[in-house]
């Protein structure tokens, strides 16, 4: 979110989607930005925003080392993305 806001987008131009309603509830508790839309994938269907963040979770156990490597790789890939305008 910080990268998108720093790039000049307003929170009302961003959506966060997740496949599970429990996940959406948790995201709404933690991401309290005015105008930010957080919904399930199905609930967002047919809508448009300047940026859409997709939140996914793993359902299986993984070691701490593997999990840390995956987070670092994900951060590196996110730095390489440029928001489309």
Protein backbone atom coordinates (compact mmCIF):
# COMPACT_ATOMS: atom_id res chain seq x y z
CA UNK A 1 0.00 0.00 0.00
CA UNK A 2 2.78 2.40 0.92
CA UNK A 3 4.37 2.04 -2.51
CA UNK A 4 1.10 2.79 -4.29
CA UNK A 5 0.37 5.79 -2.10
CA UNK A 6 3.94 7.04 -2.53
CA UNK A 7 3.50 6.70 -6.31
CA UNK A 8 0.71 9.27 -6.12
CA UNK A 9 -2.42 7.12 -5.95
CA UNK A 10 -5.14 7.99 -3.46
CA UNK A 11 -6.60 5.24 -1.29
CA UNK A 12 -9.95 5.57 -3.11
CA UNK A 13 -8.14 4.53 -6.33
CA UNK A 14 -6.93 1.25 -4.80
CA UNK A 15 -8.73 -2.02 -4.11
CA UNK A 16 -7.55 -4.99 -2.09
CA UNK A 17 -9.13 -8.32 -2.98
CA UNK A 18 -8.87 -11.72 -1.35
CA UNK A 19 -10.50 -15.07 -2.07
CA UNK A 20 -11.89 -15.68 1.44
CA UNK A 21 -14.35 -13.58 3.45
CA UNK A 22 -12.46 -14.25 6.71
CA UNK A 23 -9.34 -12.90 5.05
CA UNK A 24 -11.26 -9.80 3.91
CA UNK A 25 -12.47 -9.21 7.49
CA UNK A 26 -8.89 -9.38 8.77
CA UNK A 27 -7.65 -7.02 6.06
CA UNK A 28 -10.42 -4.52 6.88
CA UNK A 29 -9.34 -4.58 10.55
CA UNK A 30 -5.71 -3.81 9.66
CA UNK A 31 -5.99 -1.54 6.60
CA UNK A 32 -8.06 1.41 7.73
CA UNK A 33 -7.53 3.94 4.96
CA UNK A 34 -10.43 6.22 3.99
CA UNK A 35 -11.87 5.20 0.63
CA UNK A 36 -9.85 1.96 0.35
CA UNK A 37 -12.06 -0.78 -1.03
CA UNK A 38 -11.47 -4.26 0.41
CA UNK A 39 -13.62 -7.12 -0.85
CA UNK A 40 -13.62 -10.73 -1.97
CA UNK A 41 -12.64 -11.58 -5.52
CA UNK A 42 -16.28 -12.37 -6.28
CA UNK A 43 -17.49 -9.14 -4.67
CA UNK A 44 -15.12 -7.06 -6.76
CA UNK A 45 -16.01 -8.75 -10.06
CA UNK A 46 -16.85 -6.28 -12.83
CA UNK A 47 -15.32 -3.31 -10.99
CA UNK A 48 -12.27 -1.22 -11.88
CA UNK A 49 -9.63 0.65 -9.90
CA UNK A 50 -6.28 2.18 -10.83
CA UNK A 51 -4.51 -0.48 -8.73
CA UNK A 52 -5.71 -3.81 -7.39
CA UNK A 53 -3.77 -5.61 -4.68
CA UNK A 54 -4.44 -9.35 -4.46
CA UNK A 55 -3.95 -10.89 -1.02
CA UNK A 56 -3.31 -14.63 -0.96
CA UNK A 57 -2.50 -17.04 1.87
CA UNK A 58 -0.80 -20.40 2.12
CA UNK A 59 -2.77 -23.23 3.63
CA UNK A 60 0.10 -25.62 4.34
CA UNK A 61 2.87 -25.53 6.96
CA UNK A 62 6.28 -24.30 5.87
CA UNK A 63 9.58 -23.83 7.64
CA UNK A 64 10.59 -20.39 8.89
CA UNK A 65 13.58 -20.31 6.53
CA UNK A 66 11.48 -21.07 3.46
CA UNK A 67 8.86 -18.56 4.55
CA UNK A 68 11.49 -15.82 5.03
CA UNK A 69 13.03 -16.51 1.61
CA UNK A 70 9.58 -16.35 -0.01
CA UNK A 71 8.81 -13.00 1.65
CA UNK A 72 12.15 -11.55 0.56
CA UNK A 73 11.64 -12.76 -2.99
CA UNK A 74 8.11 -11.32 -2.99
CA UNK A 75 9.39 -7.94 -1.81
CA UNK A 76 12.06 -7.91 -4.50
CA UNK A 77 9.48 -8.71 -7.18
CA UNK A 78 7.14 -6.00 -5.84
CA UNK A 79 9.94 -3.43 -6.15
CA UNK A 80 10.24 -4.35 -9.81
CA UNK A 81 6.55 -3.65 -10.53
CA UNK A 82 5.51 -0.27 -11.81
CA UNK A 83 1.88 0.76 -11.20
CA UNK A 84 0.04 1.17 -14.51
CA UNK A 85 -1.67 4.46 -15.17
